[in-house]
Every structure is written in C-alpha cells, then in structure tokens.
C-alpha atoms as a PDB file:
ATOM      1  CA  MET A   1     -16.850   4.413   7.558  1.00  0.00           C
ATOM      2  CA  GLU A   2     -14.944   1.257   8.230  1.00  0.00           C
ATOM      3  CA  LEU A   3     -13.114  -0.112   5.078  1.00  0.00           C
ATOM      4  CA  LEU A   4     -10.642  -2.647   6.787  1.00  0.00           C
ATOM      5  CA  LYS A   5     -10.370  -4.607   9.638  1.00  0.00           C
ATOM      6  CA  ILE A   6      -7.450  -6.831  11.073  1.00  0.00           C
ATOM      7  CA  GLN A   7      -9.211  -8.933  13.553  1.00  0.00           C
ATOM      8  CA  ASN A   8      -6.620 -11.188  15.671  1.00  0.00           C
ATOM      9  CA  VAL A   9      -4.166 -11.604  12.969  1.00  0.00           C
ATOM     10  CA  LYS A  10      -1.927 -13.856  13.964  1.00  0.00           C
ATOM     11  CA  LYS A  11       0.466 -15.871  11.036  1.00  0.00           C
ATOM     12  CA  VAL A  12       2.879 -18.747  12.192  1.00  0.00           C
ATOM     13  CA  TYR A  13       5.315 -20.336   9.362  1.00  0.00           C
ATOM     14  CA  THR A  14       6.624 -24.654  10.070  1.00  0.00           C
ATOM     15  CA  THR A  15       9.602 -25.415   8.474  1.00  0.00           C
ATOM     16  CA  LYS A  16       9.032 -28.795   6.350  1.00  0.00           C
ATOM     17  CA  LEU A  17      10.180 -31.228   9.008  1.00  0.00           C
ATOM     18  CA  GLY A  18       7.557 -29.482  11.390  1.00  0.00           C
ATOM     19  CA  PHE A  19      10.076 -29.170  14.317  1.00  0.00           C
ATOM     20  CA  ASN A  20      10.612 -25.287  14.233  1.00  0.00           C
ATOM     21  CA  GLN A  21       7.807 -22.686  14.124  1.00  0.00           C
ATOM     22  CA  CYS A  22       8.358 -18.854  13.592  1.00  0.00           C
ATOM     23  CA  VAL A  23       5.745 -17.029  14.388  1.00  0.00           C
ATOM     24  CA  ALA A  24       5.931 -13.644  12.340  1.00  0.00           C
ATOM     25  CA  LEU A  25       2.474 -11.954  13.362  1.00  0.00           C
ATOM     26  CA  LYS A  26       1.155 -12.293  16.872  1.00  0.00           C
ATOM     27  CA  ASN A  27      -2.328 -11.237  17.544  1.00  0.00           C
ATOM     28  CA  VAL A  28      -2.843  -7.889  15.375  1.00  0.00           C
ATOM     29  CA  SER A  29      -6.050  -5.837  15.171  1.00  0.00           C
ATOM     30  CA  PHE A  30      -6.648  -2.451  13.666  1.00  0.00           C
ATOM     31  CA  SER A  31      -9.021  -0.940  11.342  1.00  0.00           C
ATOM     32  CA  VAL A  32      -8.991   1.574   8.434  1.00  0.00           C
ATOM     33  CA  SER A  33     -11.266   4.202   7.866  1.00  0.00           C
ATOM     34  CA  GLU A  34     -12.455   4.638   3.921  1.00  0.00           C
ATOM     35  CA  GLY A  35     -10.806   7.842   2.606  1.00  0.00           C
ATOM     36  CA  GLU A  36      -7.513   7.194   5.358  1.00  0.00           C
ATOM     37  CA  PHE A  37      -3.874   7.762   4.408  1.00  0.00           C
ATOM     38  CA  VAL A  38      -2.106   4.922   7.279  1.00  0.00           C
ATOM     39  CA  ALA A  39       1.589   3.984   6.911  1.00  0.00           C
ATOM     40  CA  ILE A  40       2.945   1.290   8.723  1.00  0.00           C
ATOM     41  CA  MET A  41       6.317   1.250   9.766  1.00  0.00           C
ATOM     42  CA  GLY A  42       8.592  -1.368  11.396  1.00  0.00           C
ATOM     43  CA  ALA A  43      12.121  -3.234  11.103  1.00  0.00           C
ATOM     44  CA  SER A  44      13.221  -6.069   8.672  1.00  0.00           C
ATOM     45  CA  GLY A  45      11.699  -8.878  10.374  1.00  0.00           C
ATOM     46  CA  SER A  46       8.892  -7.187  11.945  1.00  0.00           C
ATOM     47  CA  GLY A  47       5.976  -8.535  10.201  1.00  0.00           C
ATOM     48  CA  LYS A  48       4.702  -5.749   8.023  1.00  0.00           C
ATOM     49  CA  THR A  49       5.410  -7.389   4.799  1.00  0.00           C
ATOM     50  CA  THR A  50       3.741 -10.741   5.866  1.00  0.00           C
ATOM     51  CA  LEU A  51       0.785  -8.495   7.038  1.00  0.00           C
ATOM     52  CA  LEU A  52       0.706  -6.683   3.880  1.00  0.00           C
ATOM     53  CA  ASN A  53       0.741  -9.894   2.175  1.00  0.00           C
ATOM     54  CA  ILE A  54      -2.216 -11.576   4.074  1.00  0.00           C
ATOM     55  CA  ILE A  55      -4.148  -7.794   3.476  1.00  0.00           C
ATOM     56  CA  ALA A  56      -3.475  -7.727  -0.041  1.00  0.00           C
ATOM     57  CA  SER A  57      -5.247 -11.728  -0.193  1.00  0.00           C
ATOM     58  CA  LEU A  58      -1.929 -13.243  -1.305  1.00  0.00           C
ATOM     59  CA  ASP A  59      -1.315 -15.187   2.201  1.00  0.00           C
ATOM     60  CA  LYS A  60      -3.436 -16.374   4.836  1.00  0.00           C
ATOM     61  CA  PRO A  61      -3.370 -16.239   8.279  1.00  0.00           C
ATOM     62  CA  THR A  62      -3.610 -19.183  10.443  1.00  0.00           C
ATOM     63  CA  SER A  63      -5.882 -17.715  12.408  1.00  0.00           C
ATOM     64  CA  GLY A  64      -7.988 -14.408  13.011  1.00  0.00           C
ATOM     65  CA  GLN A  65      -9.696 -12.533  10.082  1.00  0.00           C
ATOM     66  CA  VAL A  66      -9.414  -9.721   7.838  1.00  0.00           C
ATOM     67  CA  LEU A  67     -12.517  -8.101   6.133  1.00  0.00           C
ATOM     68  CA  LEU A  68     -12.756  -5.315   3.424  1.00  0.00           C
ATOM     69  CA  ALA A  69     -16.327  -3.674   3.373  1.00  0.00           C
ATOM     70  CA  GLY A  70     -17.721  -6.308   6.027  1.00  0.00           C
ATOM     71  CA  THR A  71     -16.660  -8.623   3.515  1.00  0.00           C
ATOM     72  CA  PRO A  72     -14.119 -11.761   5.641  1.00  0.00           C
ATOM     73  CA  PHE A  73     -11.544 -12.866   3.380  1.00  0.00           C
ATOM     74  CA  SER A  74     -12.170 -16.509   4.104  1.00  0.00           C
ATOM     75  CA  SER A  75     -15.106 -16.133   3.001  1.00  0.00           C
ATOM     76  CA  ILE A  76     -13.957 -15.646  -0.464  1.00  0.00           C
ATOM     77  CA  ARG A  77     -13.522 -18.861  -2.469  1.00  0.00           C
ATOM     78  CA  ASP A  78      -9.859 -19.281  -4.103  1.00  0.00           C
ATOM     79  CA  ARG A  79     -10.939 -19.628  -7.710  1.00  0.00           C
ATOM     80  CA  ASP A  80     -12.653 -16.012  -6.824  1.00  0.00           C
ATOM     81  CA  LEU A  81      -9.728 -14.172  -4.917  1.00  0.00           C
ATOM     82  CA  SER A  82      -7.866 -12.892  -8.528  1.00  0.00           C
ATOM     83  CA  LYS A  83     -11.413 -11.145  -9.269  1.00  0.00           C
ATOM     84  CA  PHE A  84     -11.567  -9.953  -5.507  1.00  0.00           C
ATOM     85  CA  ARG A  85      -8.277  -8.501  -5.501  1.00  0.00           C
ATOM     86  CA  ARG A  86      -8.661  -6.606  -9.164  1.00  0.00           C
ATOM     87  CA  ASP A  87     -12.027  -5.351  -8.463  1.00  0.00           C
ATOM     88  CA  ASN A  88     -11.298  -4.058  -4.985  1.00  0.00           C
ATOM     89  CA  LEU A  89      -7.439  -3.814  -4.367  1.00  0.00           C
ATOM     90  CA  GLY A  90      -4.680  -1.638  -5.954  1.00  0.00           C
ATOM     91  CA  PHE A  91      -0.920  -2.480  -5.834  1.00  0.00           C
ATOM     92  CA  VAL A  92       1.896  -0.445  -6.136  1.00  0.00           C
ATOM     93  CA  PHE A  93       5.498  -1.867  -5.646  1.00  0.00           C
ATOM     94  CA  GLN A  94       8.948  -0.610  -5.253  1.00  0.00           C
ATOM     95  CA  GLU A  95      10.435  -2.248  -8.520  1.00  0.00           C
ATOM     96  CA  PHE A  96       7.231  -0.986 -10.601  1.00  0.00           C
ATOM     97  CA  ASN A  97       6.362  -4.086 -12.398  1.00  0.00           C
ATOM     98  CA  LEU A  98       6.025  -2.530 -15.372  1.00  0.00           C
ATOM     99  CA  LEU A  99       5.862  -4.332 -19.317  1.00  0.00           C
ATOM    100  CA  ASP A 100       8.927  -2.908 -21.013  1.00  0.00           C
ATOM    101  CA  THR A 101       6.967  -4.180 -24.302  1.00  0.00           C
ATOM    102  CA  PHE A 102       4.003  -1.835 -23.484  1.00  0.00           C
ATOM    103  CA  SER A 103       3.905   1.958 -23.340  1.00  0.00           C
ATOM    104  CA  LEU A 104       3.058   3.093 -20.468  1.00  0.00           C
ATOM    105  CA  LYS A 105      -0.622   4.050 -21.435  1.00  0.00           C
ATOM    106  CA  ASP A 106      -0.822   0.177 -22.427  1.00  0.00           C
ATOM    107  CA  ASN A 107       0.644  -1.047 -19.086  1.00  0.00           C
ATOM    108  CA  ILE A 108      -1.267   1.414 -17.143  1.00  0.00           C
ATOM    109  CA  LEU A 109      -4.387  -0.060 -19.063  1.00  0.00           C
ATOM    110  CA  LEU A 110      -3.712  -3.375 -18.924  1.00  0.00           C
ATOM    111  CA  PRO A 111      -5.921  -4.337 -15.568  1.00  0.00           C
ATOM    112  CA  LEU A 112      -8.694  -2.939 -17.476  1.00  0.00           C
ATOM    113  CA  VAL A 113      -8.280  -4.829 -20.785  1.00  0.00           C
ATOM    114  CA  LEU A 114      -7.962  -8.090 -18.090  1.00  0.00           C
ATOM    115  CA  SER A 115     -11.619  -6.703 -16.577  1.00  0.00           C
ATOM    116  CA  GLN A 116     -12.944  -6.581 -20.486  1.00  0.00           C
ATOM    117  CA  THR A 117     -13.472  -2.929 -19.413  1.00  0.00           C
ATOM    118  CA  PRO A 118     -14.756  -1.275 -22.470  1.00  0.00           C
ATOM    119  CA  VAL A 119     -12.512   1.364 -24.441  1.00  0.00           C
ATOM    120  CA  LYS A 120     -14.746   4.038 -24.812  1.00  0.00           C
ATOM    121  CA  GLU A 121     -14.514   3.894 -20.486  1.00  0.00           C
ATOM    122  CA  MET A 122     -10.647   2.861 -20.610  1.00  0.00           C
ATOM    123  CA  GLU A 123      -9.904   6.310 -22.120  1.00  0.00           C
ATOM    124  CA  ALA A 124     -12.353   8.011 -20.304  1.00  0.00           C
ATOM    125  CA  ARG A 125     -10.778   6.641 -16.581  1.00  0.00           C
ATOM    126  CA  LEU A 126      -7.434   7.197 -18.388  1.00  0.00           C
ATOM    127  CA  GLU A 127      -7.511  11.078 -18.945  1.00  0.00           C
ATOM    128  CA  PRO A 128      -7.982  12.468 -15.121  1.00  0.00           C
ATOM    129  CA  VAL A 129      -5.517   9.813 -13.895  1.00  0.00           C
ATOM    130  CA  ALA A 130      -3.161  10.725 -15.960  1.00  0.00           C
ATOM    131  CA  SER A 131      -3.400  14.333 -15.243  1.00  0.00           C
ATOM    132  CA  MET A 132      -3.123  14.209 -11.851  1.00  0.00           C
ATOM    133  CA  LEU A 133      -0.131  12.177 -12.397  1.00  0.00           C
ATOM    134  CA  GLY A 134       1.259  14.450 -14.419  1.00  0.00           C
ATOM    135  CA  ILE A 135       1.946  11.788 -17.065  1.00  0.00           C
ATOM    136  CA  ARG A 136      -0.369  12.489 -19.967  1.00  0.00           C
ATOM    137  CA  HIS A 137       2.887  13.691 -22.256  1.00  0.00           C
ATOM    138  CA  LEU A 138       4.916  10.572 -21.765  1.00  0.00           C
ATOM    139  CA  LEU A 139       1.692   7.844 -22.352  1.00  0.00           C
ATOM    140  CA  SER A 140       3.373   6.650 -26.259  1.00  0.00           C
ATOM    141  CA  LYS A 141       6.371   6.431 -24.154  1.00  0.00           C
ATOM    142  CA  PHE A 142       8.127   2.839 -23.007  1.00  0.00           C
ATOM    143  CA  PRO A 143       9.307   2.214 -19.514  1.00  0.00           C
ATOM    144  CA  TYR A 144      12.793   2.185 -20.192  1.00  0.00           C
ATOM    145  CA  GLU A 145      12.616   5.957 -21.899  1.00  0.00           C
ATOM    146  CA  VAL A 146      11.406   7.287 -18.686  1.00  0.00           C
ATOM    147  CA  SER A 147      12.914   7.900 -15.713  1.00  0.00           C
ATOM    148  CA  GLY A 148      12.402   5.677 -12.073  1.00  0.00           C
ATOM    149  CA  GLY A 149      10.295   8.348 -10.875  1.00  0.00           C
ATOM    150  CA  GLU A 150       7.852   8.493 -13.794  1.00  0.00           C
ATOM    151  CA  LYS A 151       7.733   4.657 -14.029  1.00  0.00           C
ATOM    152  CA  GLN A 152       6.369   4.393 -10.206  1.00  0.00           C
ATOM    153  CA  ARG A 153       3.973   7.457 -11.281  1.00  0.00           C
ATOM    154  CA  ALA A 154       2.425   5.185 -14.110  1.00  0.00           C
ATOM    155  CA  ALA A 155       2.361   2.114 -12.028  1.00  0.00           C
ATOM    156  CA  VAL A 156       0.445   4.306  -9.283  1.00  0.00           C
ATOM    157  CA  ALA A 157      -1.856   4.910 -12.191  1.00  0.00           C
ATOM    158  CA  ARG A 158      -2.312   1.735 -13.062  1.00  0.00           C
ATOM    159  CA  ALA A 159      -3.290   1.109  -9.732  1.00  0.00           C
ATOM    160  CA  VAL A 160      -6.050   3.292  -9.104  1.00  0.00           C
ATOM    161  CA  ILE A 161      -7.504   3.353 -13.115  1.00  0.00           C
ATOM    162  CA  THR A 162      -9.342   0.304 -11.571  1.00  0.00           C
ATOM    163  CA  GLU A 163     -10.878   2.784  -9.075  1.00  0.00           C
ATOM    164  CA  PRO A 164     -10.038   0.005  -5.879  1.00  0.00           C
ATOM    165  CA  ARG A 165     -11.374   0.686  -2.520  1.00  0.00           C
ATOM    166  CA  LEU A 166      -8.072   0.392  -1.267  1.00  0.00           C
ATOM    167  CA  LEU A 167      -4.696   0.709  -2.674  1.00  0.00           C
ATOM    168  CA  LEU A 168      -1.637  -1.180  -1.020  1.00  0.00           C
ATOM    169  CA  ALA A 169       1.972   0.373  -1.589  1.00  0.00           C
ATOM    170  CA  ASP A 170       4.820  -1.781  -0.517  1.00  0.00           C
ATOM    171  CA  GLU A 171       8.249   0.625  -0.318  1.00  0.00           C
ATOM    172  CA  PRO A 172       7.234   2.931  -3.006  1.00  0.00           C
ATOM    173  CA  THR A 173       9.730   4.877  -2.523  1.00  0.00           C
ATOM    174  CA  GLY A 174      12.602   2.548  -1.869  1.00  0.00           C
ATOM    175  CA  ALA A 175      13.634   2.470  -5.895  1.00  0.00           C
ATOM    176  CA  LEU A 176      13.738   6.827  -6.130  1.00  0.00           C
ATOM    177  CA  ASP A 177      15.938   9.467  -5.420  1.00  0.00           C
ATOM    178  CA  SER A 178      14.697  11.995  -3.054  1.00  0.00           C
ATOM    179  CA  LYS A 179      13.183  14.561  -5.345  1.00  0.00           C
ATOM    180  CA  SER A 180      11.342  11.375  -7.288  1.00  0.00           C
ATOM    181  CA  SER A 181      10.148  10.471  -3.376  1.00  0.00           C
ATOM    182  CA  VAL A 182       9.081  13.656  -2.508  1.00  0.00           C
ATOM    183  CA  GLU A 183       7.236  13.996  -6.160  1.00  0.00           C
ATOM    184  CA  LEU A 184       5.506  10.417  -5.894  1.00  0.00           C
ATOM    185  CA  LEU A 185       4.453  11.449  -1.979  1.00  0.00           C
ATOM    186  CA  GLU A 186       2.600  14.475  -3.183  1.00  0.00           C
ATOM    187  CA  ASN A 187       0.885  12.416  -5.865  1.00  0.00           C
ATOM    188  CA  PHE A 188      -0.213   9.955  -2.943  1.00  0.00           C
ATOM    189  CA  SER A 189      -1.066  12.430  -0.696  1.00  0.00           C
ATOM    190  CA  ARG A 190      -3.585  14.435  -3.818  1.00  0.00           C
ATOM    191  CA  LEU A 191      -4.999  11.171  -4.216  1.00  0.00           C
ATOM    192  CA  ASN A 192      -5.922  10.897  -1.163  1.00  0.00           C
ATOM    193  CA  ARG A 193      -7.170  14.372  -0.379  1.00  0.00           C
ATOM    194  CA  GLU A 194      -8.386  14.758  -3.580  1.00  0.00           C
ATOM    195  CA  ALA A 195      -9.542  11.423  -4.947  1.00  0.00           C
ATOM    196  CA  GLY A 196     -10.343   9.981  -1.933  1.00  0.00           C
ATOM    197  CA  ARG A 197      -8.271   7.657  -2.197  1.00  0.00           C
ATOM    198  CA  THR A 198      -7.738   4.900   0.910  1.00  0.00           C
ATOM    199  CA  ILE A 199      -4.007   4.152   1.106  1.00  0.00           C
ATOM    200  CA  LEU A 200      -2.370   1.594   3.126  1.00  0.00           C
ATOM    201  CA  MET A 201       1.616   1.992   2.782  1.00  0.00           C
ATOM    202  CA  VAL A 202       4.584  -0.096   4.049  1.00  0.00           C
ATOM    203  CA  THR A 203       7.740   2.093   4.589  1.00  0.00           C
ATOM    204  CA  HIS A 204      11.385   2.171   6.058  1.00  0.00           C
ATOM    205  CA  SER A 205      10.966   5.704   5.680  1.00  0.00           C
ATOM    206  CA  ALA A 206       9.929   8.012   8.320  1.00  0.00           C
ATOM    207  CA  MET A 207       9.692  11.382   5.425  1.00  0.00           C
ATOM    208  CA  ALA A 208       7.592   8.698   3.379  1.00  0.00           C
ATOM    209  CA  ALA A 209       5.142   7.785   6.813  1.00  0.00           C
ATOM    210  CA  SER A 210       4.788  11.910   7.387  1.00  0.00           C
ATOM    211  CA  TYR A 211       2.902  11.660   4.423  1.00  0.00           C
ATOM    212  CA  ALA A 212       0.313   9.945   5.880  1.00  0.00           C
ATOM    213  CA  GLY A 213      -2.326  10.822   8.462  1.00  0.00           C
ATOM    214  CA  ARG A 214      -1.442   8.011  11.163  1.00  0.00           C
ATOM    215  CA  VAL A 215       1.719   5.667  11.233  1.00  0.00           C
ATOM    216  CA  LEU A 216       1.499   2.033  13.018  1.00  0.00           C
ATOM    217  CA  PHE A 217       4.630   0.825  14.525  1.00  0.00           C
ATOM    218  CA  ILE A 218       5.109  -3.078  14.047  1.00  0.00           C
ATOM    219  CA  LYS A 219       7.446  -4.957  16.411  1.00  0.00           C
ATOM    220  CA  ASP A 220       7.665  -8.561  16.713  1.00  0.00           C
ATOM    221  CA  GLY A 221       4.709  -9.790  14.825  1.00  0.00           C
ATOM    222  CA  ASP A 222       2.641  -7.197  16.945  1.00  0.00           C
ATOM    223  CA  ILE A 223       1.406  -3.589  16.871  1.00  0.00           C
ATOM    224  CA  PHE A 224       3.652  -1.610  19.313  1.00  0.00           C
ATOM    225  CA  ALA A 225       2.208   2.130  19.060  1.00  0.00           C
ATOM    226  CA  GLN A 226       0.304   4.598  16.352  1.00  0.00           C
ATOM    227  CA  LEU A 227       0.313   8.102  15.854  1.00  0.00           C
ATOM    228  CA  TYR A 228      -2.085  10.433  14.557  1.00  0.00           C
ATOM    229  CA  ARG A 229      -0.763  13.402  12.330  1.00  0.00           C
ATOM    230  CA  GLY A 230      -3.381  15.740  13.977  1.00  0.00           C
ATOM    231  CA  GLU A 231      -3.344  19.249  12.042  1.00  0.00           C
ATOM    232  CA  GLU A 232       0.428  18.923  12.092  1.00  0.00           C
ATOM    233  CA  ASP A 233       2.424  19.763   8.823  1.00  0.00           C
ATOM    234  CA  ASN A 234       4.867  17.556   7.680  1.00  0.00           C
ATOM    235  CA  ARG A 235       8.004  18.281   9.470  1.00  0.00           C
ATOM    236  CA  GLY A 236       6.261  18.296  12.455  1.00  0.00           C
ATOM    237  CA  PHE A 237       4.960  14.889  11.996  1.00  0.00           C
ATOM    238  CA  PHE A 238       8.320  13.443  10.484  1.00  0.00           C
ATOM    239  CA  ASP A 239      10.021  14.872  14.204  1.00  0.00           C
ATOM    240  CA  ARG A 240       7.543  12.820  15.898  1.00  0.00           C
ATOM    241  CA  ILE A 241       7.690   9.246  13.924  1.00  0.00           C
ATOM    242  CA  VAL A 242      11.919   9.583  14.104  1.00  0.00           C
ATOM    243  CA  GLY A 243      11.658  10.006  18.034  1.00  0.00           C
ATOM    244  CA  ASN A 244       8.517   7.115  18.400  1.00  0.00           C
ATOM    245  CA  LEU A 245      11.627   4.781  15.877  1.00  0.00           C
ATOM    246  CA  SER A 246      14.207   5.311  18.934  1.00  0.00           C
ATOM    247  CA  VAL A 247      11.614   4.630  21.182  1.00  0.00           C
ATOM    248  CA  LEU A 248      10.955   1.465  19.241  1.00  0.00           C
ATOM    249  CA  GLU A 249      14.881   0.664  19.124  1.00  0.00           C
ATOM    250  CA  ASP A 250      15.110   1.164  23.123  1.00  0.00           C
ATOM    251  CA  GLY A 251      12.177  -1.263  23.408  1.00  0.00           C
ATOM    252  CA  GLY A 252       9.808   1.440  25.493  1.00  0.00           C
ATOM    253  CA  SER A 253       6.701   2.352  24.944  1.00  0.00           C
ATOM    254  CA  SER A 254       4.688   5.389  22.568  1.00  0.00           C
ATOM    255  CA  ASN A 255       1.252   6.587  21.656  1.00  0.00           C
ATOM    256  CA  GLY A 256       0.087   9.906  20.023  1.00  0.00           C
END
C-alpha cells in the first residue's frame, strides 16, 4: 500500500529583496510503500535536506504536494501540524537531541508524556522497543553516561515509541564510529523487517544506504536515478550504489 506520495514538488527560495531566486527542488515525484526502507542520497546542496524538511512538514513546497496515507499536507491547518507530526512521524537526527537532565527512559517516553498517554501504556510500549534496540539495561542512565551509539539507539527508541506511520532519519550515522553505525543500521533493518516500520533515511554514506531496500539519488533538485536491492546482500548493493554515485558525479544517467 502506498504510504507516502511526493507529487511534482518544487521549492524556490527568494532573497529578502526579491532579486534572486534559488531553486532547491525542481519537480520531484516519487512514492514510498508501507513497510519500505528507502534511502535518499545526494551531494551537499543537491536538495535532499530541503526535501526531507518538506516531508517532515517543517517546510512547505512552492508547488506540488505531499500526501501521507492519502492525506495532503496542504489540507492540515498550521495549528494542527504539531499534533500531526507527533501522531504520524518519528524523527532520528544526527546529533541525537537528547535532554541531558533526563534519563534515557524519560527521554524515550517524552513524546508519550506530551501526548498524555497513560503511564501503564507508556511502560507497555517501552519494554519491547528497549529490548529490540538493546538498551533495557541503560534506561536509568543519563545521556552523558553512555556512548554515542547508545545515545542514538535511545533516540531511535524515542522516535518509534509513538508508533509513527513513517520514520524519518537525517544522517543518523553521521556522528557515530563505524561499529556504532553498523549496530544502528542493523537495528533499522530489524525495525523495518520485524516491526514493519516504514523508514526514509537521508545519508551521504553508501554503507548506510546499502541497508535500505531502495536508494533514490537526488541531483540539482531532482530525482536523478534509483536503485532497488532485489535479492542482493549488503556488499553487492553497496558496490552498485558506489558505481551509481560515480555516474552521478560524472553527470551520466543510471537506473537499476
């Protein structure tokens, strides 16, 4: 079932004086099915962060529209956007964004507290999420007492505990070492495969993208190419992603 639909999205920024325009996104269209794990790759300035912000309902397109489960973002009133994000979207950031004065448990439960979820339900949701991400034994610790990888796993737990329709990840391995990156990506794969989470991840890393089932390449504000994993393992998919990135840099065209 189609969960996310990006339809002819264009984003143009105008300078304060109105003399110059910057076209960040040209005419982007694609869809994401429920249960997919999709990565978006592109060089700095390619438009991928702008695209992610629009999908996160943090920015609005100049034209075109975004639909989640058939609901156009344009139909949601500004005053209702925060609740819409809280109910439907989960966010994982490069810099974790955990509160140092809260334990990992309190950080994870924070979005449920804000939505006034009953305590009994919060505890029931916490157990399976913390177990899947391997942080049950860390819940009483504070962010400054754990490693970067453990902080990111807590951030992932916070993002998925609300049971969002779509999990958005912005360079989630950017602040992690290689071992922690692999652990995080394996957890993403597990969340996608075992818990059925739909994941859309922006990344510079071909290694990170190789964990996805599909990779979209964005260049100069438009979708340049896409690759499907098929039955390949991570190594084989990684090699194809790297090859496609070379084509991207050379300005050619590739789909597969």
